[in-house]
Amino acid sequence: MEIKDPKVVHDYLNGVIEGEDVKKSTKLYSDAKKFYKDVDSSVSDDQIMYEVYSYEHDGLCYGLTVMQPVCVNGECNVTRGHFHENLDCDEIYCGMGGEGLLLLMDEDYHCHAEKVKVGSVHYIDGHLAHRLVNTGNTELKVQCMWPSNAGHDYKRVEEHPFTVRVYKENGELKVEEE
């Protein structure tokens, strides 16, 4: 019997996914300015906001999002957020490091959130838009699994943005609902 090395390795200690089939994308502040209520000139356009590692095989995707502990005018760092194009496709998130929130928005644009921490597991119904928020002082690392036919509908969130923003003031979280 032949024993092969894995094609992909998730280094839990260093928090990255590596392998020749792994795709990595980096979101800089220059690309993310519209995610926040206001532009913050004190944040460099080259500031890495988050990185996404993903691996797809036979209809399943496995990924990792690594978010920096950056605030924009006091607003906690967020991912772009999206609905799935195929609303019948659900997703699983698992907290791997740091702390934050999984912000969820239903099709009537009402929001609620779940705390993300090491070991937390989150089921995301395909009919909910979702976005991560780093509320901590370290990197927020979240593992995710979803069907490759889910797709990403960013336009819908751009047309109807999340109605909640999370800020840090004097080390305390403040949630603003619009």
C-alpha atoms as a PDB file:
ATOM      1  CA  MET A   1       0.000   0.000   0.000  1.00  0.00           C
ATOM      2  CA  GLU A   2       1.237   3.465  -0.909  1.00  0.00           C
ATOM      3  CA  ILE A   3       0.985   6.165   1.755  1.00  0.00           C
ATOM      4  CA  LYS A   4       0.946   9.740   0.445  1.00  0.00           C
ATOM      5  CA  ASP A   5       1.426  13.069   2.095  1.00  0.00           C
ATOM      6  CA  PRO A   6      -1.694  15.281   2.211  1.00  0.00           C
ATOM      7  CA  LYS A   7      -2.122  17.806  -0.574  1.00  0.00           C
ATOM      8  CA  VAL A   8      -3.168  20.500   1.892  1.00  0.00           C
ATOM      9  CA  VAL A   9      -2.143  21.146   5.495  1.00  0.00           C
ATOM     10  CA  HIS A  10      -3.859  23.459   7.981  1.00  0.00           C
ATOM     11  CA  ASP A  11      -1.130  24.487  10.420  1.00  0.00           C
ATOM     12  CA  TYR A  12      -3.308  25.192  13.468  1.00  0.00           C
ATOM     13  CA  LEU A  13      -0.382  26.589  15.467  1.00  0.00           C
ATOM     14  CA  ASN A  14       0.626  29.151  12.843  1.00  0.00           C
ATOM     15  CA  GLY A  15      -2.895  29.607  11.536  1.00  0.00           C
ATOM     16  CA  VAL A  16      -2.455  29.128   7.802  1.00  0.00           C
ATOM     17  CA  ILE A  17      -3.494  26.620   5.154  1.00  0.00           C
ATOM     18  CA  GLU A  18      -0.728  25.526   2.810  1.00  0.00           C
ATOM     19  CA  GLY A  19      -0.593  23.431  -0.351  1.00  0.00           C
ATOM     20  CA  GLU A  20      -0.251  23.875  -4.085  1.00  0.00           C
ATOM     21  CA  ASP A  21      -4.045  23.945  -4.560  1.00  0.00           C
ATOM     22  CA  VAL A  22      -4.641  26.563  -1.852  1.00  0.00           C
ATOM     23  CA  LYS A  23      -5.720  30.008  -3.022  1.00  0.00           C
ATOM     24  CA  LYS A  24      -4.947  33.062  -0.925  1.00  0.00           C
ATOM     25  CA  SER A  25      -6.545  36.478  -1.229  1.00  0.00           C
ATOM     26  CA  THR A  26      -5.637  39.582   0.735  1.00  0.00           C
ATOM     27  CA  LYS A  27      -8.008  42.460   1.444  1.00  0.00           C
ATOM     28  CA  LEU A  28      -6.178  45.770   1.977  1.00  0.00           C
ATOM     29  CA  TYR A  29      -7.745  48.857   3.525  1.00  0.00           C
ATOM     30  CA  SER A  30      -7.700  50.536   0.091  1.00  0.00           C
ATOM     31  CA  ASP A  31     -10.066  47.760  -1.086  1.00  0.00           C
ATOM     32  CA  ALA A  32     -12.191  47.750   2.085  1.00  0.00           C
ATOM     33  CA  LYS A  33     -12.934  51.435   2.751  1.00  0.00           C
ATOM     34  CA  LYS A  34     -16.574  51.122   1.681  1.00  0.00           C
ATOM     35  CA  PHE A  35     -17.196  48.414   4.343  1.00  0.00           C
ATOM     36  CA  TYR A  36     -16.997  51.049   7.096  1.00  0.00           C
ATOM     37  CA  LYS A  37     -19.187  54.000   7.994  1.00  0.00           C
ATOM     38  CA  ASP A  38     -16.411  56.558   7.399  1.00  0.00           C
ATOM     39  CA  VAL A  39     -12.955  56.640   5.813  1.00  0.00           C
ATOM     40  CA  ASP A  40     -10.078  56.834   8.320  1.00  0.00           C
ATOM     41  CA  SER A  41      -7.061  58.712   6.942  1.00  0.00           C
ATOM     42  CA  SER A  42      -4.897  57.399   9.807  1.00  0.00           C
ATOM     43  CA  VAL A  43      -5.179  53.838   8.412  1.00  0.00           C
ATOM     44  CA  SER A  44      -2.701  53.166   5.605  1.00  0.00           C
ATOM     45  CA  ASP A  45      -4.129  52.032   2.271  1.00  0.00           C
ATOM     46  CA  ASP A  46      -1.595  49.160   2.433  1.00  0.00           C
ATOM     47  CA  GLN A  47      -2.877  47.927   5.814  1.00  0.00           C
ATOM     48  CA  ILE A  48      -3.871  44.261   5.555  1.00  0.00           C
ATOM     49  CA  MET A  49      -7.419  43.969   6.901  1.00  0.00           C
ATOM     50  CA  TYR A  50      -7.816  40.225   6.353  1.00  0.00           C
ATOM     51  CA  GLU A  51      -6.598  37.255   4.362  1.00  0.00           C
ATOM     52  CA  VAL A  52      -8.629  34.312   3.104  1.00  0.00           C
ATOM     53  CA  TYR A  53      -7.119  30.909   2.361  1.00  0.00           C
ATOM     54  CA  SER A  54      -9.312  28.451   0.444  1.00  0.00           C
ATOM     55  CA  TYR A  55      -9.121  24.942  -0.921  1.00  0.00           C
ATOM     56  CA  GLU A  56     -11.752  23.365  -3.174  1.00  0.00           C
ATOM     57  CA  HIS A  57     -12.120  19.698  -4.043  1.00  0.00           C
ATOM     58  CA  ASP A  58     -15.052  17.689  -5.443  1.00  0.00           C
ATOM     59  CA  GLY A  59     -17.768  20.232  -4.636  1.00  0.00           C
ATOM     60  CA  LEU A  60     -16.578  21.146  -1.137  1.00  0.00           C
ATOM     61  CA  CYS A  61     -14.620  24.190  -0.012  1.00  0.00           C
ATOM     62  CA  TYR A  62     -12.486  24.556   3.078  1.00  0.00           C
ATOM     63  CA  GLY A  63     -11.185  27.924   4.142  1.00  0.00           C
ATOM     64  CA  LEU A  64      -9.613  30.100   6.771  1.00  0.00           C
ATOM     65  CA  THR A  65     -10.103  33.814   7.335  1.00  0.00           C
ATOM     66  CA  VAL A  66      -7.415  35.670   9.296  1.00  0.00           C
ATOM     67  CA  MET A  67      -8.529  39.157  10.375  1.00  0.00           C
ATOM     68  CA  GLN A  68      -6.253  41.813  11.807  1.00  0.00           C
ATOM     69  CA  PRO A  69      -7.176  43.678  15.035  1.00  0.00           C
ATOM     70  CA  VAL A  70      -7.618  47.001  13.248  1.00  0.00           C
ATOM     71  CA  CYS A  71     -10.218  49.682  13.926  1.00  0.00           C
ATOM     72  CA  VAL A  72     -11.406  52.285  11.408  1.00  0.00           C
ATOM     73  CA  ASN A  73     -12.479  55.426  13.297  1.00  0.00           C
ATOM     74  CA  GLY A  74     -13.192  53.128  16.240  1.00  0.00           C
ATOM     75  CA  GLU A  75     -15.233  50.694  14.118  1.00  0.00           C
ATOM     76  CA  CYS A  76     -14.048  47.095  14.478  1.00  0.00           C
ATOM     77  CA  ASN A  77     -12.541  45.391  11.441  1.00  0.00           C
ATOM     78  CA  VAL A  78     -15.134  43.556   9.307  1.00  0.00           C
ATOM     79  CA  THR A  79     -15.147  41.252   6.311  1.00  0.00           C
ATOM     80  CA  ARG A  80     -17.048  42.281   3.196  1.00  0.00           C
ATOM     81  CA  GLY A  81     -20.011  40.059   3.996  1.00  0.00           C
ATOM     82  CA  HIS A  82     -22.286  38.279   1.551  1.00  0.00           C
ATOM     83  CA  PHE A  83     -25.352  36.205   0.891  1.00  0.00           C
ATOM     84  CA  HIS A  84     -24.870  32.998  -1.066  1.00  0.00           C
ATOM     85  CA  GLU A  85     -26.001  33.026  -4.684  1.00  0.00           C
ATOM     86  CA  ASN A  86     -27.523  29.588  -4.030  1.00  0.00           C
ATOM     87  CA  LEU A  87     -29.591  30.196  -0.892  1.00  0.00           C
ATOM     88  CA  ASP A  88     -29.957  26.437  -0.345  1.00  0.00           C
ATOM     89  CA  CYS A  89     -26.233  26.190   0.503  1.00  0.00           C
ATOM     90  CA  ASP A  90     -25.406  26.419   4.188  1.00  0.00           C
ATOM     91  CA  GLU A  91     -21.989  26.991   5.763  1.00  0.00           C
ATOM     92  CA  ILE A  92     -20.087  26.145   8.950  1.00  0.00           C
ATOM     93  CA  TYR A  93     -17.681  28.511  10.754  1.00  0.00           C
ATOM     94  CA  CYS A  94     -15.347  27.447  13.584  1.00  0.00           C
ATOM     95  CA  GLY A  95     -13.431  29.830  15.837  1.00  0.00           C
ATOM     96  CA  MET A  96      -9.707  29.017  15.723  1.00  0.00           C
ATOM     97  CA  GLY A  97      -8.135  32.069  17.403  1.00  0.00           C
ATOM     98  CA  GLY A  98      -8.960  35.480  18.818  1.00  0.00           C
ATOM     99  CA  GLU A  99     -12.439  36.753  19.495  1.00  0.00           C
ATOM    100  CA  GLY A 100     -15.122  38.419  17.478  1.00  0.00           C
ATOM    101  CA  LEU A 101     -18.659  38.273  16.222  1.00  0.00           C
ATOM    102  CA  LEU A 102     -20.396  36.468  13.406  1.00  0.00           C
ATOM    103  CA  LEU A 103     -22.869  39.072  12.184  1.00  0.00           C
ATOM    104  CA  LEU A 104     -25.901  37.549  10.458  1.00  0.00           C
ATOM    105  CA  MET A 105     -28.575  39.356   8.446  1.00  0.00           C
ATOM    106  CA  ASP A 106     -31.841  37.807   7.275  1.00  0.00           C
ATOM    107  CA  GLU A 107     -33.597  38.501   3.991  1.00  0.00           C
ATOM    108  CA  ASP A 108     -35.633  41.271   5.641  1.00  0.00           C
ATOM    109  CA  TYR A 109     -32.299  42.903   6.623  1.00  0.00           C
ATOM    110  CA  HIS A 110     -32.622  42.295  10.381  1.00  0.00           C
ATOM    111  CA  CYS A 111     -29.334  41.492  12.122  1.00  0.00           C
ATOM    112  CA  HIS A 112     -28.233  39.373  15.031  1.00  0.00           C
ATOM    113  CA  ALA A 113     -24.798  38.104  16.067  1.00  0.00           C
ATOM    114  CA  GLU A 114     -23.056  35.149  17.651  1.00  0.00           C
ATOM    115  CA  LYS A 115     -19.851  35.373  19.688  1.00  0.00           C
ATOM    116  CA  VAL A 116     -16.861  33.787  17.967  1.00  0.00           C
ATOM    117  CA  LYS A 117     -14.083  32.380  20.141  1.00  0.00           C
ATOM    118  CA  VAL A 118     -11.651  29.471  20.092  1.00  0.00           C
ATOM    119  CA  GLY A 119     -13.697  26.293  19.750  1.00  0.00           C
ATOM    120  CA  SER A 120     -17.020  27.913  18.837  1.00  0.00           C
ATOM    121  CA  VAL A 121     -18.945  26.277  15.979  1.00  0.00           C
ATOM    122  CA  HIS A 122     -21.480  28.270  13.951  1.00  0.00           C
ATOM    123  CA  TYR A 123     -24.069  26.928  11.509  1.00  0.00           C
ATOM    124  CA  ILE A 124     -25.007  29.545   8.893  1.00  0.00           C
ATOM    125  CA  ASP A 125     -28.318  29.014   7.118  1.00  0.00           C
ATOM    126  CA  GLY A 126     -27.964  29.732   3.395  1.00  0.00           C
ATOM    127  CA  HIS A 127     -30.644  32.425   3.581  1.00  0.00           C
ATOM    128  CA  LEU A 128     -28.534  34.588   5.913  1.00  0.00           C
ATOM    129  CA  ALA A 129     -25.911  37.115   4.879  1.00  0.00           C
ATOM    130  CA  HIS A 130     -22.820  36.780   7.032  1.00  0.00           C
ATOM    131  CA  ARG A 131     -19.828  38.886   7.999  1.00  0.00           C
ATOM    132  CA  LEU A 132     -17.084  38.528  10.585  1.00  0.00           C
ATOM    133  CA  VAL A 133     -16.147  41.281  13.045  1.00  0.00           C
ATOM    134  CA  ASN A 134     -12.821  41.214  14.923  1.00  0.00           C
ATOM    135  CA  THR A 135     -13.634  42.601  18.385  1.00  0.00           C
ATOM    136  CA  GLY A 136     -10.386  41.500  20.043  1.00  0.00           C
ATOM    137  CA  ASN A 137      -6.805  42.711  20.281  1.00  0.00           C
ATOM    138  CA  THR A 138      -5.306  39.778  18.348  1.00  0.00           C
ATOM    139  CA  GLU A 139      -5.908  38.155  14.989  1.00  0.00           C
ATOM    140  CA  LEU A 140      -9.338  36.561  14.595  1.00  0.00           C
ATOM    141  CA  LYS A 141      -8.989  33.199  12.839  1.00  0.00           C
ATOM    142  CA  VAL A 142     -12.097  31.445  11.561  1.00  0.00           C
ATOM    143  CA  GLN A 143     -12.204  28.130   9.721  1.00  0.00           C
ATOM    144  CA  CYS A 144     -15.070  27.627   7.265  1.00  0.00           C
ATOM    145  CA  MET A 145     -16.619  24.870   5.149  1.00  0.00           C
ATOM    146  CA  TRP A 146     -19.193  25.308   2.372  1.00  0.00           C
ATOM    147  CA  PRO A 147     -20.354  23.695  -0.884  1.00  0.00           C
ATOM    148  CA  SER A 148     -18.544  25.079  -3.922  1.00  0.00           C
ATOM    149  CA  ASN A 149     -21.831  25.812  -5.707  1.00  0.00           C
ATOM    150  CA  ALA A 150     -22.870  28.302  -2.982  1.00  0.00           C
ATOM    151  CA  GLY A 151     -21.446  31.337  -4.766  1.00  0.00           C
ATOM    152  CA  HIS A 152     -21.051  34.795  -3.233  1.00  0.00           C
ATOM    153  CA  ASP A 153     -23.657  37.522  -3.716  1.00  0.00           C
ATOM    154  CA  TYR A 154     -21.792  40.683  -2.656  1.00  0.00           C
ATOM    155  CA  LYS A 155     -24.013  43.021  -4.674  1.00  0.00           C
ATOM    156  CA  ARG A 156     -27.064  42.306  -2.522  1.00  0.00           C
ATOM    157  CA  VAL A 157     -25.157  43.372   0.613  1.00  0.00           C
ATOM    158  CA  GLU A 158     -23.840  46.481  -1.161  1.00  0.00           C
ATOM    159  CA  GLU A 159     -27.425  47.444  -2.076  1.00  0.00           C
ATOM    160  CA  HIS A 160     -28.735  46.619   1.439  1.00  0.00           C
ATOM    161  CA  PRO A 161     -25.791  46.921   3.861  1.00  0.00           C
ATOM    162  CA  PHE A 162     -25.690  45.312   7.293  1.00  0.00           C
ATOM    163  CA  THR A 163     -27.746  47.460   9.668  1.00  0.00           C
ATOM    164  CA  VAL A 164     -25.344  47.016  12.601  1.00  0.00           C
ATOM    165  CA  ARG A 165     -21.888  48.468  13.254  1.00  0.00           C
ATOM    166  CA  VAL A 166     -19.588  47.468  16.098  1.00  0.00           C
ATOM    167  CA  TYR A 167     -17.220  49.974  17.724  1.00  0.00           C
ATOM    168  CA  LYS A 168     -14.615  49.868  20.462  1.00  0.00           C
ATOM    169  CA  GLU A 169     -14.596  52.767  22.903  1.00  0.00           C
ATOM    170  CA  ASN A 170     -12.169  52.668  25.842  1.00  0.00           C
ATOM    171  CA  GLY A 171     -11.874  48.892  25.458  1.00  0.00           C
ATOM    172  CA  GLU A 172     -15.651  48.378  25.566  1.00  0.00           C
ATOM    173  CA  LEU A 173     -17.801  47.242  22.654  1.00  0.00           C
ATOM    174  CA  LYS A 174     -20.555  49.506  21.440  1.00  0.00           C
ATOM    175  CA  VAL A 175     -23.140  48.270  18.934  1.00  0.00           C
ATOM    176  CA  GLU A 176     -24.962  50.800  16.741  1.00  0.00           C
ATOM    177  CA  GLU A 177     -28.091  49.743  14.907  1.00  0.00           C
ATOM    178  CA  GLU A 178     -29.134  51.835  11.921  1.00  0.00           C
END
